[in-house]
Amino acid sequence: MKLNFKLLAITLLFINVSFSQTTIANLISQVSQPGIIQTVRDLSGEDSTVVTGNTVLIEHRVSDYDNNLAADYIKEQLTSYGLSVAAINYSANGRNIVATKIGNVNPNDIYLISAHYDAVSYHGADDNASGVAAVLEAARIMANYDFENTVVFALWDEEEIGLKGAENYANTASQNNDNILGVVNMDMIGYDGDNDKLFDIDVRNYANSNQIASDLVNIVSTHNLDLVSNIVNPGTLDSDHSTFWDAGYSAVLLGEAWSENDITPGYHSANDRINLFNYSYFFNMVKLCVGYITTKAVLLNTTAISPTFTPLAKIYPNPTKGFANLYYKNNIHAEINIINTYGNIVFTRNVNGNFVKLDLTNLSNGIYIIKTVESNGSTSVLKMIKEN
């Protein structure tokens, strides 16, 4: 098989785009279950991943023993989505990673979703790679659209040793008079041991926090999420949301049903691994996160420009030194072929869904074309660079 690269380049330059209707339901439907599971596997050290161009294993995320590898992974993921990202070094050891999508109509009206990325032991899949995965997935989806209000995607450090990262941010926001209208903090959203689909919304009568709880319940109902809401008032103070209460902001904690003692048996130990997850529950909890934040951000319009020549939305990292993550706009059934500059197929893989992780460590350095051939016959291409 030979591929005419000159013709391909010309074709890509003159591709037409089409407009497709977009709703909150459509945004929720873009949550990738394989994608969020892979994020947890990467952050909890189940699989190798790529950070700063190197193939690495994130063995732990314990602040006192250097969790900068995890912080760099999070920063690179958010940057790859095209968002404005900042690493906030608030102390010698503490580093928050914060991405911002500025609202096009009300840039000073801010909604914030967050999770802590530090852990107390190895793995830390539920506590709290699960919450981090939800924030990253919301960022990935929302990066492709415009909204009226500003959204901040925040990943906190040092929650496990005193809520230090979130406290620093909340206090700074208060001093700056930032108009934060709502904070949803996710902490442990992957475990449902009795499969009753129950989750807690921890709230107290601070600012407008009760309205956030009501909004979350409405999202579950409106979008038919397979979850059961449980509002806990007065809610716990033992997670990052409470630092926003202290600073005078509206906030809630979103998590699994601690109120019913349905707590992962791996809690705060090296046994907190993804094999304990209820995947369906985790999937719906991430959908709830995306549904809430996209609703409050308010879609600026109901159209999004998407190229018709390819269903491939993102490839990361590119250039790659080992692994490449492919995200598609829709679920597809397809064959992936990687083609070198001589037109030869050097790698083949099937994909069923909207996410696949490729191990390309055996490929030689150079420029390649990733060609996706769907079951309906449509074809798409994307350039990829492999480096040492």
Protein backbone atom coordinates (compact mmCIF):
# COMPACT_ATOMS: atom_id res chain seq x y z
CA MET A 1 0.00 0.00 0.00
CA LYS A 2 1.34 3.46 -0.94
CA LEU A 3 0.09 6.80 0.34
CA ASN A 4 0.51 10.00 -1.68
CA PHE A 5 1.69 12.42 1.04
CA LYS A 6 1.65 15.45 -1.26
CA LEU A 7 -1.96 14.80 -2.19
CA LEU A 8 -2.78 14.16 1.45
CA ALA A 9 -1.29 17.51 2.52
CA ILE A 10 -3.25 19.39 -0.13
CA THR A 11 -6.44 17.59 0.85
CA LEU A 12 -6.03 18.49 4.49
CA LEU A 13 -5.53 22.15 3.62
CA PHE A 14 -8.83 22.41 1.79
CA ILE A 15 -11.12 20.29 3.92
CA ASN A 16 -14.59 21.75 4.53
CA VAL A 17 -16.12 21.85 7.99
CA SER A 18 -19.72 21.20 8.97
CA PHE A 19 -21.84 22.41 11.84
CA SER A 20 -23.50 20.01 14.24
CA GLN A 21 -26.04 20.76 16.92
CA THR A 22 -24.66 20.52 20.44
CA THR A 23 -26.54 20.29 23.72
CA ILE A 24 -25.59 19.53 27.32
CA ALA A 25 -26.75 15.97 26.72
CA ASN A 26 -24.35 15.76 23.80
CA LEU A 27 -21.48 16.99 25.96
CA ILE A 28 -22.31 14.41 28.63
CA SER A 29 -22.37 11.70 25.97
CA GLN A 30 -18.78 12.54 25.08
CA VAL A 31 -17.50 11.18 28.40
CA SER A 32 -15.20 8.31 27.47
CA GLN A 33 -15.37 5.37 29.86
CA PRO A 34 -12.15 3.81 28.50
CA GLY A 35 -10.51 7.23 28.67
CA ILE A 36 -11.31 7.93 32.32
CA ILE A 37 -10.33 4.39 33.29
CA GLN A 38 -7.00 4.82 31.52
CA THR A 39 -6.40 8.10 33.35
CA VAL A 40 -6.90 6.33 36.68
CA ARG A 41 -4.61 3.51 35.58
CA ASP A 42 -1.93 6.04 34.59
CA LEU A 43 -2.16 8.05 37.81
CA SER A 44 -2.34 5.01 40.08
CA GLY A 45 0.69 3.30 38.56
CA GLU A 46 -1.09 0.37 36.97
CA ASP A 47 0.27 1.27 33.51
CA SER A 48 3.25 3.16 32.18
CA THR A 49 2.55 6.51 30.59
CA VAL A 50 4.44 9.42 29.03
CA VAL A 51 5.45 12.49 31.06
CA THR A 52 7.79 15.21 29.74
CA GLY A 53 8.51 12.99 26.76
CA ASN A 54 9.66 10.00 28.82
CA THR A 55 7.96 6.67 29.42
CA VAL A 56 7.45 6.49 33.18
CA LEU A 57 5.49 4.75 35.91
CA ILE A 58 3.77 7.04 38.44
CA GLU A 59 4.53 4.84 41.43
CA HIS A 60 2.90 7.07 44.03
CA ARG A 61 1.47 10.55 44.58
CA VAL A 62 2.55 11.10 48.19
CA SER A 63 3.37 14.80 48.70
CA ASP A 64 6.13 14.28 51.26
CA TYR A 65 7.96 11.90 48.94
CA ASP A 66 7.75 14.01 45.74
CA ASN A 67 4.58 13.78 43.67
CA ASN A 68 5.82 16.12 40.94
CA LEU A 69 5.63 13.38 38.32
CA ALA A 70 1.87 13.22 38.82
CA ALA A 71 1.62 17.01 38.76
CA ASP A 72 3.54 17.14 35.47
CA TYR A 73 1.26 14.47 33.98
CA ILE A 74 -1.83 16.51 34.92
CA LYS A 75 -0.34 19.73 33.59
CA GLU A 76 0.56 18.13 30.26
CA GLN A 77 -2.89 16.62 29.85
CA LEU A 78 -4.60 19.97 30.44
CA THR A 79 -2.15 21.79 28.17
CA SER A 80 -2.79 19.28 25.38
CA TYR A 81 -6.45 20.32 25.40
CA GLY A 82 -5.47 23.89 24.50
CA LEU A 83 -6.35 25.41 27.88
CA SER A 84 -4.45 28.08 29.79
CA VAL A 85 -2.64 26.13 32.54
CA ALA A 86 -0.72 27.32 35.59
CA ALA A 87 1.36 25.43 38.11
CA ILE A 88 0.96 27.32 41.39
CA ASN A 89 3.88 26.66 43.72
CA TYR A 90 2.38 27.89 46.97
CA SER A 91 5.09 26.39 49.21
CA ALA A 92 8.39 24.54 48.97
CA ASN A 93 6.59 21.22 48.42
CA GLY A 94 3.05 22.19 47.45
CA ARG A 95 1.94 22.65 43.84
CA ASN A 96 -1.59 23.14 42.54
CA ILE A 97 -2.31 22.63 38.84
CA VAL A 98 -5.04 24.94 37.57
CA ALA A 99 -6.48 25.36 34.07
CA THR A 100 -8.88 28.10 33.02
CA LYS A 101 -11.39 28.45 30.21
CA ILE A 102 -12.43 32.09 30.07
CA GLY A 103 -16.12 32.84 29.57
CA ASN A 104 -16.97 34.79 26.45
CA VAL A 105 -19.83 36.77 28.02
CA ASN A 106 -19.23 36.85 31.78
CA PRO A 107 -15.48 36.29 32.24
CA ASN A 108 -15.61 37.36 35.90
CA ASP A 109 -18.32 34.84 36.81
CA ILE A 110 -16.44 31.69 37.81
CA TYR A 111 -17.47 28.09 38.37
CA LEU A 112 -14.84 25.71 39.68
CA ILE A 113 -14.53 21.93 39.67
CA SER A 114 -11.72 20.33 41.59
CA ALA A 115 -10.11 17.24 43.08
CA HIS A 116 -6.94 16.56 45.03
CA TYR A 117 -4.24 14.57 43.28
CA ASP A 118 -2.02 13.68 46.24
CA ALA A 119 -2.32 10.35 48.07
CA VAL A 120 -1.18 8.69 51.28
CA SER A 121 0.22 5.46 49.81
CA TYR A 122 0.85 3.66 46.56
CA HIS A 123 -1.84 3.58 43.86
CA GLY A 124 -4.56 5.81 45.38
CA ALA A 125 -7.00 4.90 42.60
CA ASP A 126 -10.22 5.88 44.33
CA ASP A 127 -8.60 8.44 46.61
CA ASN A 128 -8.28 10.36 44.45
CA ALA A 129 -7.25 9.49 40.93
CA SER A 130 -10.99 9.00 40.36
CA GLY A 131 -11.74 12.66 41.08
CA VAL A 132 -8.78 13.84 39.02
CA ALA A 133 -10.00 11.80 36.05
CA ALA A 134 -13.39 13.54 36.27
CA VAL A 135 -11.82 17.01 36.22
CA LEU A 136 -9.54 16.12 33.31
CA GLU A 137 -12.42 14.62 31.34
CA ALA A 138 -14.56 17.72 31.83
CA ALA A 139 -11.64 19.86 30.69
CA ARG A 140 -11.06 17.70 27.61
CA ILE A 141 -14.68 17.98 26.51
CA MET A 142 -15.24 21.65 27.34
CA ALA A 143 -12.05 22.79 25.63
CA ASN A 144 -13.78 22.33 22.27
CA TYR A 145 -16.67 24.72 22.99
CA ASP A 146 -17.39 28.30 24.02
CA PHE A 147 -19.31 29.18 27.19
CA GLU A 148 -20.73 32.32 28.75
CA ASN A 149 -19.06 31.91 32.15
CA THR A 150 -15.50 31.11 33.16
CA VAL A 151 -14.62 27.61 34.32
CA VAL A 152 -11.60 26.72 36.46
CA PHE A 153 -10.36 23.12 36.49
CA ALA A 154 -8.29 22.74 39.67
CA LEU A 155 -6.20 19.86 40.98
CA TRP A 156 -5.07 20.32 44.56
CA ASP A 157 -1.92 19.17 46.29
CA GLU A 158 -1.52 18.26 49.99
CA GLU A 159 -5.15 17.52 50.76
CA GLU A 160 -4.07 14.51 52.76
CA ILE A 161 -1.91 16.59 55.08
CA GLY A 162 -4.32 19.40 55.89
CA LEU A 163 -6.17 20.65 52.78
CA LYS A 164 -3.21 22.95 52.14
CA GLY A 165 -3.46 23.35 48.37
CA ALA A 166 -7.16 24.19 48.27
CA GLU A 167 -6.86 26.42 51.32
CA ASN A 168 -4.15 28.48 49.63
CA TYR A 169 -6.24 28.90 46.49
CA ALA A 170 -9.49 29.72 48.32
CA ASN A 171 -7.81 32.29 50.54
CA THR A 172 -6.06 33.93 47.60
CA ALA A 173 -9.33 34.04 45.65
CA SER A 174 -11.07 35.67 48.59
CA GLN A 175 -8.30 38.28 48.96
CA ASN A 176 -8.60 39.03 45.24
CA ASN A 177 -12.40 39.24 45.44
CA ASP A 178 -12.76 36.55 42.77
CA ASN A 179 -16.43 36.04 41.93
CA ILE A 180 -16.54 32.25 42.37
CA LEU A 181 -20.22 31.31 42.12
CA GLY A 182 -19.91 27.61 42.82
CA VAL A 183 -17.37 24.91 43.64
CA VAL A 184 -17.90 21.18 43.15
CA ASN A 185 -15.09 19.15 44.68
CA MET A 186 -14.82 15.44 43.83
CA ASP A 187 -13.18 13.14 46.30
CA MET A 188 -13.50 9.35 45.82
CA ILE A 189 -16.11 8.66 43.14
CA GLY A 190 -15.22 5.14 41.93
CA TYR A 191 -16.49 2.70 44.57
CA ASP A 192 -20.02 1.38 45.02
CA GLY A 193 -19.65 -1.85 46.94
CA ASP A 194 -23.35 -2.67 47.29
CA ASN A 195 -24.24 -1.46 43.79
CA ASP A 196 -27.08 0.73 45.10
CA LYS A 197 -25.86 3.66 42.94
CA LEU A 198 -26.03 6.01 45.94
CA PHE A 199 -23.71 9.01 46.14
CA ASP A 200 -23.35 11.79 48.72
CA ILE A 201 -23.56 15.52 48.22
CA ASP A 202 -22.02 17.02 51.36
CA VAL A 203 -23.35 20.52 51.98
CA ARG A 204 -23.75 23.08 54.74
CA ASN A 205 -25.70 26.32 54.93
CA TYR A 206 -22.83 28.47 53.72
CA ALA A 207 -23.34 31.05 50.97
CA ASN A 208 -25.42 29.44 48.20
CA SER A 209 -24.18 25.90 48.72
CA ASN A 210 -27.64 24.34 48.99
CA GLN A 211 -28.43 25.52 45.46
CA ILE A 212 -25.44 23.58 44.13
CA ALA A 213 -26.80 20.44 45.79
CA SER A 214 -30.20 21.03 44.19
CA ASP A 215 -28.57 21.60 40.81
CA LEU A 216 -26.71 18.29 41.05
CA VAL A 217 -29.91 16.42 41.92
CA ASN A 218 -31.59 18.03 38.92
CA ILE A 219 -28.78 16.97 36.59
CA VAL A 220 -29.25 13.34 37.66
CA SER A 221 -32.97 13.56 36.94
CA THR A 222 -32.82 15.64 33.76
CA HIS A 223 -30.21 13.47 32.08
CA ASN A 224 -31.39 10.12 33.43
CA LEU A 225 -28.08 9.26 35.05
CA ASP A 226 -28.02 5.87 36.73
CA LEU A 227 -27.38 7.31 40.19
CA VAL A 228 -29.25 7.92 43.44
CA SER A 229 -28.70 11.29 45.13
CA ASN A 230 -28.26 11.69 48.88
CA ILE A 231 -27.85 15.20 50.31
CA VAL A 232 -25.87 15.19 53.57
CA ASN A 233 -26.42 18.33 55.67
CA PRO A 234 -24.40 19.10 57.70
CA GLY A 235 -21.74 17.59 55.46
CA THR A 236 -18.20 16.65 56.33
CA LEU A 237 -15.45 19.23 56.71
CA ASP A 238 -12.77 16.70 55.79
CA SER A 239 -12.09 17.57 52.16
CA ASP A 240 -11.04 20.53 50.06
CA HIS A 241 -14.54 22.00 49.57
CA SER A 242 -14.58 23.15 53.21
CA THR A 243 -11.76 25.61 52.56
CA PHE A 244 -14.11 27.46 50.20
CA TRP A 245 -16.80 27.51 52.89
CA ASP A 246 -14.25 29.10 55.20
CA ALA A 247 -13.51 31.70 52.53
CA GLY A 248 -17.21 32.55 52.10
CA TYR A 249 -17.87 30.69 48.83
CA SER A 250 -20.58 28.24 47.79
CA ALA A 251 -19.25 24.70 47.61
CA VAL A 252 -20.15 21.03 47.94
CA LEU A 253 -18.35 17.71 48.12
CA LEU A 254 -19.35 15.05 45.60
CA GLY A 255 -18.38 11.48 46.50
CA GLU A 256 -19.39 7.91 47.14
CA ALA A 257 -21.80 7.01 49.94
CA TRP A 258 -19.75 7.49 53.10
CA SER A 259 -23.02 8.35 54.83
CA GLU A 260 -23.99 4.68 54.41
CA ASN A 261 -20.49 3.35 55.21
CA ASP A 262 -20.08 2.20 51.61
CA ILE A 263 -16.36 3.00 51.60
CA THR A 264 -13.69 1.34 49.50
CA PRO A 265 -11.88 -1.37 51.51
CA GLY A 266 -8.62 -0.06 50.06
CA TYR A 267 -9.02 3.33 51.75
CA HIS A 268 -5.69 4.98 52.64
CA SER A 269 -3.67 1.89 51.80
CA ALA A 270 -1.73 0.41 48.89
CA ASN A 271 -4.80 -1.73 48.21
CA ASP A 272 -6.69 1.28 46.83
CA ARG A 273 -6.55 0.01 43.25
CA ILE A 274 -8.80 0.24 40.25
CA ASN A 275 -9.83 -3.42 40.47
CA LEU A 276 -12.15 -2.33 43.31
CA PHE A 277 -14.02 0.15 41.11
CA ASN A 278 -17.61 -0.14 40.03
CA TYR A 279 -17.01 1.00 36.45
CA SER A 280 -20.62 1.86 35.68
CA TYR A 281 -20.92 3.92 38.86
CA PHE A 282 -17.66 5.74 38.15
CA PHE A 283 -18.77 6.44 34.57
CA ASN A 284 -22.03 8.00 35.74
CA MET A 285 -20.33 10.06 38.44
CA VAL A 286 -18.04 11.60 35.81
CA LYS A 287 -21.09 12.26 33.63
CA LEU A 288 -22.68 14.07 36.57
CA CYS A 289 -19.58 16.24 36.95
CA VAL A 290 -19.60 17.12 33.25
CA GLY A 291 -23.35 17.73 33.26
CA TYR A 292 -23.16 20.13 36.19
CA ILE A 293 -20.23 22.22 35.04
CA THR A 294 -21.35 22.50 31.41
CA THR A 295 -24.84 23.53 32.55
CA LYS A 296 -23.55 26.25 34.87
CA ALA A 297 -20.98 27.47 32.35
CA VAL A 298 -23.81 27.92 29.78
CA LEU A 299 -23.08 27.02 26.18
CA LEU A 300 -22.63 30.25 24.27
CA ASN A 301 -24.40 28.73 21.26
CA THR A 302 -25.60 25.31 20.18
CA THR A 303 -23.19 24.76 17.34
CA ALA A 304 -19.63 23.56 17.29
CA ILE A 305 -17.40 23.37 14.26
CA SER A 306 -16.03 19.90 13.70
CA PRO A 307 -14.02 18.67 10.72
CA THR A 308 -15.85 16.15 8.55
CA PHE A 309 -12.59 14.67 7.28
CA THR A 310 -11.72 12.99 10.56
CA PRO A 311 -13.46 11.71 13.70
CA LEU A 312 -10.10 11.92 15.50
CA ALA A 313 -10.30 14.73 18.06
CA LYS A 314 -7.04 14.48 19.99
CA ILE A 315 -3.74 12.64 19.95
CA TYR A 316 -1.46 13.06 22.94
CA PRO A 317 1.46 13.30 23.31
CA ASN A 318 2.56 14.31 19.83
CA PRO A 319 5.51 14.00 19.31
CA THR A 320 5.57 10.76 21.27
CA LYS A 321 8.43 8.73 22.67
CA GLY A 322 6.43 5.64 23.51
CA PHE A 323 2.71 5.74 24.15
CA ALA A 324 0.05 7.73 22.30
CA ASN A 325 -3.53 8.34 23.47
CA LEU A 326 -6.15 8.72 20.72
CA TYR A 327 -9.49 10.34 21.51
CA TYR A 328 -12.35 10.29 18.97
CA LYS A 329 -15.32 12.65 18.93
CA ASN A 330 -17.77 9.74 18.74
CA ASN A 331 -17.80 6.02 19.42
CA ILE A 332 -16.45 4.19 16.40
CA HIS A 333 -15.68 0.66 15.25
CA ALA A 334 -12.53 0.91 13.19
CA GLU A 335 -9.09 -0.35 12.27
CA ILE A 336 -6.12 1.87 13.01
CA ASN A 337 -3.13 1.64 10.67
CA ILE A 338 0.11 3.51 11.24
CA ILE A 339 1.92 4.16 7.97
CA ASN A 340 5.54 5.23 7.53
CA THR A 341 6.88 7.66 4.92
CA TYR A 342 7.40 4.79 2.46
CA GLY A 343 3.70 4.02 2.55
CA ASN A 344 4.12 0.79 4.51
CA ILE A 345 1.79 -0.22 7.35
CA VAL A 346 3.98 -0.71 10.42
CA PHE A 347 1.31 -0.99 13.13
CA THR A 348 -2.32 -2.13 13.22
CA ARG A 349 -4.86 -1.98 16.02
CA ASN A 350 -8.66 -2.13 16.30
CA VAL A 351 -10.69 0.42 18.25
CA ASN A 352 -14.24 0.04 19.57
CA GLY A 353 -15.33 3.20 21.37
CA ASN A 354 -13.87 6.69 21.47
CA PHE A 355 -10.49 6.10 23.13
CA VAL A 356 -7.47 3.88 22.58
CA LYS A 357 -3.96 3.85 24.02
CA LEU A 358 -1.20 2.74 21.63
CA ASP A 359 2.17 1.30 22.64
CA LEU A 360 4.53 2.64 19.96
CA THR A 361 7.82 2.05 21.75
CA ASN A 362 9.01 -0.32 19.01
CA LEU A 363 8.55 2.20 16.20
CA SER A 364 11.60 3.88 14.74
CA ASN A 365 11.97 7.66 14.94
CA GLY A 366 10.24 9.54 12.18
CA ILE A 367 7.00 10.91 10.78
CA TYR A 368 3.97 8.65 10.50
CA ILE A 369 0.38 8.86 9.38
CA ILE A 370 -2.33 7.42 11.64
CA LYS A 371 -5.09 6.19 9.35
CA THR A 372 -8.46 5.22 10.82
CA VAL A 373 -10.74 3.09 8.66
CA GLU A 374 -14.26 2.84 10.10
CA SER A 375 -16.61 -0.09 9.61
CA ASN A 376 -18.81 2.10 7.41
CA GLY A 377 -15.89 2.68 5.05
CA SER A 378 -15.05 6.27 6.00
CA THR A 379 -11.37 7.07 6.44
CA SER A 380 -9.45 9.68 8.39
CA VAL A 381 -5.78 10.57 8.76
CA LEU A 382 -3.57 12.42 11.23
CA LYS A 383 0.17 13.07 11.33
CA MET A 384 2.26 11.78 14.23
CA ILE A 385 5.95 12.20 15.08
CA LYS A 386 7.93 9.51 16.92
CA GLU A 387 11.06 10.62 18.80
CA ASN A 388 13.62 9.14 21.16
